[in-house]
Amino acid sequence: MTIPLKKHQADWIAEQVRVGRYASEIEAIEDALADKIAKDKAAWEADGEVLRERMRVSMGQIERGEVEEADDAFFERLRERVRMVASGNR
């Protein structure tokens, strides 16, 4: 696989090899890619935890009857509220 790099990326890789942090350019690229994959995986897992917590909270609200059905009447009440606020009547 051939991947073109931006100059600052190629310069960074070359510098890492020059100072001895990595033995080769490919080693530097593999390390950077492994780090990115690990960060993405951690972010994905954290997002899943957030979603599960939001679902837990939502299910509790549903069970306690703290939700309102978004039917035509609901949206008409919202439209009426918007009209009142827009006219200066709060």
Protein backbone atom coordinates (compact mmCIF):
# COMPACT_ATOMS: atom_id res chain seq x y z
CA MET A 1 0.00 0.00 0.00
CA THR A 2 1.30 3.42 -0.90
CA ILE A 3 -0.02 6.32 1.14
CA PRO A 4 0.92 9.92 0.34
CA LEU A 5 1.64 12.00 3.43
CA LYS A 6 1.55 15.71 3.98
CA LYS A 7 4.98 17.28 4.38
CA HIS A 8 4.59 17.92 8.13
CA GLN A 9 3.60 14.28 8.65
CA ALA A 10 6.56 12.94 6.69
CA ASP A 11 8.85 15.37 8.51
CA TRP A 12 7.52 14.19 11.89
CA ILE A 13 8.13 10.55 10.98
CA ALA A 14 11.63 11.28 9.71
CA GLU A 15 12.42 13.23 12.90
CA GLN A 16 11.20 10.37 15.10
CA VAL A 17 13.50 7.94 13.29
CA ARG A 18 16.40 10.44 13.28
CA VAL A 19 16.30 10.93 17.07
CA GLY A 20 16.07 7.18 17.63
CA ARG A 21 12.55 6.96 18.96
CA TYR A 22 11.78 4.46 16.22
CA ALA A 23 14.06 2.16 14.25
CA SER A 24 12.22 2.75 10.98
CA GLU A 25 9.57 4.86 9.33
CA ILE A 26 7.17 1.92 9.23
CA GLU A 27 7.61 1.37 12.98
CA ALA A 28 6.67 5.02 13.62
CA ILE A 29 3.62 4.75 11.36
CA GLU A 30 2.52 1.46 12.93
CA ASP A 31 2.80 2.95 16.41
CA ALA A 32 0.83 6.06 15.45
CA LEU A 33 -1.85 3.92 13.79
CA ALA A 34 -2.09 1.59 16.79
CA ASP A 35 -2.51 4.62 19.07
CA LYS A 36 -5.27 6.03 16.84
CA ILE A 37 -7.07 2.67 16.76
CA ALA A 38 -6.89 2.37 20.57
CA LYS A 39 -8.22 5.92 21.03
CA ASP A 40 -11.06 5.31 18.57
CA LYS A 41 -11.97 2.06 20.33
CA ALA A 42 -11.98 3.78 23.74
CA ALA A 43 -14.14 6.60 22.37
CA TRP A 44 -16.55 4.10 20.80
CA GLU A 45 -16.86 2.23 24.09
CA ALA A 46 -17.36 5.48 26.03
CA ASP A 47 -20.07 6.54 23.57
CA GLY A 48 -21.77 3.19 24.15
CA GLU A 49 -21.69 3.74 27.91
CA VAL A 50 -23.22 7.19 27.48
CA LEU A 51 -25.94 5.78 25.25
CA ARG A 52 -26.73 2.98 27.70
CA GLU A 53 -26.99 5.49 30.57
CA ARG A 54 -29.29 7.74 28.53
CA MET A 55 -31.46 4.74 27.68
CA ARG A 56 -31.60 3.74 31.36
CA VAL A 57 -32.70 7.26 32.35
CA SER A 58 -35.27 7.36 29.53
CA MET A 59 -36.73 3.99 30.46
CA GLY A 60 -37.10 5.19 34.05
CA GLN A 61 -38.92 8.31 32.87
CA ILE A 62 -41.26 6.18 30.77
CA GLU A 63 -41.95 3.82 33.67
CA ARG A 64 -42.74 6.79 35.95
CA GLY A 65 -45.04 8.36 33.38
CA GLU A 66 -42.82 11.41 32.96
CA VAL A 67 -43.18 11.51 29.18
CA GLU A 68 -45.75 12.96 26.85
CA GLU A 69 -46.82 11.48 23.55
CA ALA A 70 -45.76 13.66 20.62
CA ASP A 71 -49.09 13.53 18.83
CA ASP A 72 -50.83 16.22 16.78
CA ALA A 73 -52.19 17.90 19.91
CA PHE A 74 -48.69 18.08 21.41
CA PHE A 75 -47.31 19.83 18.34
CA GLU A 76 -50.28 22.18 18.18
CA ARG A 77 -49.59 23.23 21.78
CA LEU A 78 -45.98 23.89 20.82
CA ARG A 79 -47.02 25.95 17.79
CA GLU A 80 -49.42 27.95 19.98
CA ARG A 81 -46.63 28.60 22.51
CA VAL A 82 -44.33 29.79 19.71
CA ARG A 83 -47.04 32.12 18.41
CA MET A 84 -47.54 33.54 21.93
CA VAL A 85 -43.83 34.13 22.45
CA ALA A 86 -43.44 35.64 18.98
CA SER A 87 -46.30 38.07 19.66
CA GLY A 88 -44.76 39.14 22.95
CA ASN A 89 -47.36 37.37 25.11
CA ARG A 90 -45.56 35.03 27.40
